[in-house]
Amino acid sequence: MPPLYRLVEVGIYSLLNFLPLMVLALYPFRHRLRFSKTATVGLVVALSLVQIFLGWQAAFFSTNAGLLSAVSTLLYAAFYFFAVKVKVGKTGFTLLLLSNNASFIVITSKCLEGILFPSLAYESYRWSFSLCMLMTEAVVWGPLFIYMKKVYTPAVEKEPSGLEWRYLWLIPFTFYIIWYYTLYGNSTKSSLELALEPKNTIALFFINAGAFLVYYIVALLVIEQQKNLRLQENNHLLEMQNLQYDYLQDKIKETRRYKHDVRHHIALMQELLKKGEYDKLSEYLNSFRDSMPDISERIYCKNTSVSALLAYFAQIAESSGIEYKVSADIPDDIKIDITDLSVLFGNLIENAIHGCVSDSAKNKKIIIRAKADSYSLCLAVDNTFTGTILTDPEGGFLSSKRKGKGIGTESVKNIAAKYNGVAKFEYGDGMFYASVMLNI
């Protein structure tokens, strides 16, 4: 049985090597955890105890430390992939990014120990190593946390329109291979001997700095793409508002023309009435009724913006021969950003109309159901569609108008994620079903 102070030394090293890495890995996805925060903290504590136990096994009771190190890595990787509810590409990128930095911290700490405590540097898991690791982490993890908070987290919080994260994880994976080869691919020197030579640590510092610069640029590019996507959404919303304005202007002109011509109609009807030509008068009245413009105001719900959108698309649907049914209960003071609300309704209904117009089915219809209360907004837009649905390998819907994912469905998914909600798209039996639930 090893002495107590050695058990404490190994335990402290295990915690320093595991906890900061796990905290930084969970931070960008703290709002996308599979379990509650309390349960997640409990699981992290339990996993920390397992890491300490494996550290003791590797230091005192086992001859195969490499195998135990692999088991330790697999355990925290498996926990991380399971605890975070995001795509594997994002979690893989995050874990590899932080693992590479953790390797740099270990090498730098051992080099620093060799300079400050040369007599202890060749021993495993001594207090001197933990002290040097604590100093190194104080220097490295601070800037890294700022990067994770200010740059990386905004990049992973939303989903771009492409398949970026399916491939971006290969960047830190490439640097991981470089690290692995540098530490374990040298047949003449052990990793300990390499770490104790300052020139190797300096070389690895520049490799890590270059890798960090690449990570920084990648995050900025993803953020820029998200801004472009948001700009496309706003432009699309502006186009819809312009179309609504044109529609209202046409209605105003039509009403003015009707008011201008109505006195001529009255004069003619009076003349027919004087002459007793009642059949001609009846025929003329029927013709006049059919020619009257539709000046009635359609109000679908109390929210004026949503009601205006529903009324605008009602005209398009009717002119396209599409049956249009709406059941909406949206209050005017709903606590959802008006832009998000307009993009949500506009994209789903526009996609439904496009699906009906491009479909060969005879009885085309769109059914819209929407209801909001103090806690949530539920929206369902169903439309007939018997054509072919284009999807990517991940199950996302591809645009029929351009190459790549459909901006409309991706915008809806982004809005659902923003409000911790869910967006579902299904199709079958000649219908396409889109449904969204937002938490308010």
Foldseek 3Di string as FASTA:
>chain_A
DDDPQLLVLLLLVLCLLPVLLLVLLCVLQVVFWPDDPVVVVVVSVVLSVVSSVLSCCLQPPDPCNVVSVVVNVVVVLVVSVNGGPDDPLLSLLSNLLSVLVSLLLQLQLLQVCCVVPVVCSVPPSGNSSSVSSVVSCVVPVVVVSCCSPPFVSLLPLADFQFPVSVPPSVLSVVVVVVSCCLQPVDPPDHNSVLSNDVVSSVVSVVSSVVSVVVVRVVSVVSNVRVVVLVVVLVVVLVVLVVLLVVVVVVLVVLVVVCVVCVVVVVVVLVVCVVVVVVVVSVVSVVVVVVPRDDPDQFAQEQQPLLRSLLVSLVVVCVVLVEAEEEHEYDHNPDPDPSSLVSLQSVLLSVVQSVQQSPAPDDHKYWYWYWYDDNWKIKIKIKIFHDDDFDADPVGAGCDPVDGGGDSSVSSNQRSCSVQVWDWDWDDDPRMIMIMIMGTD
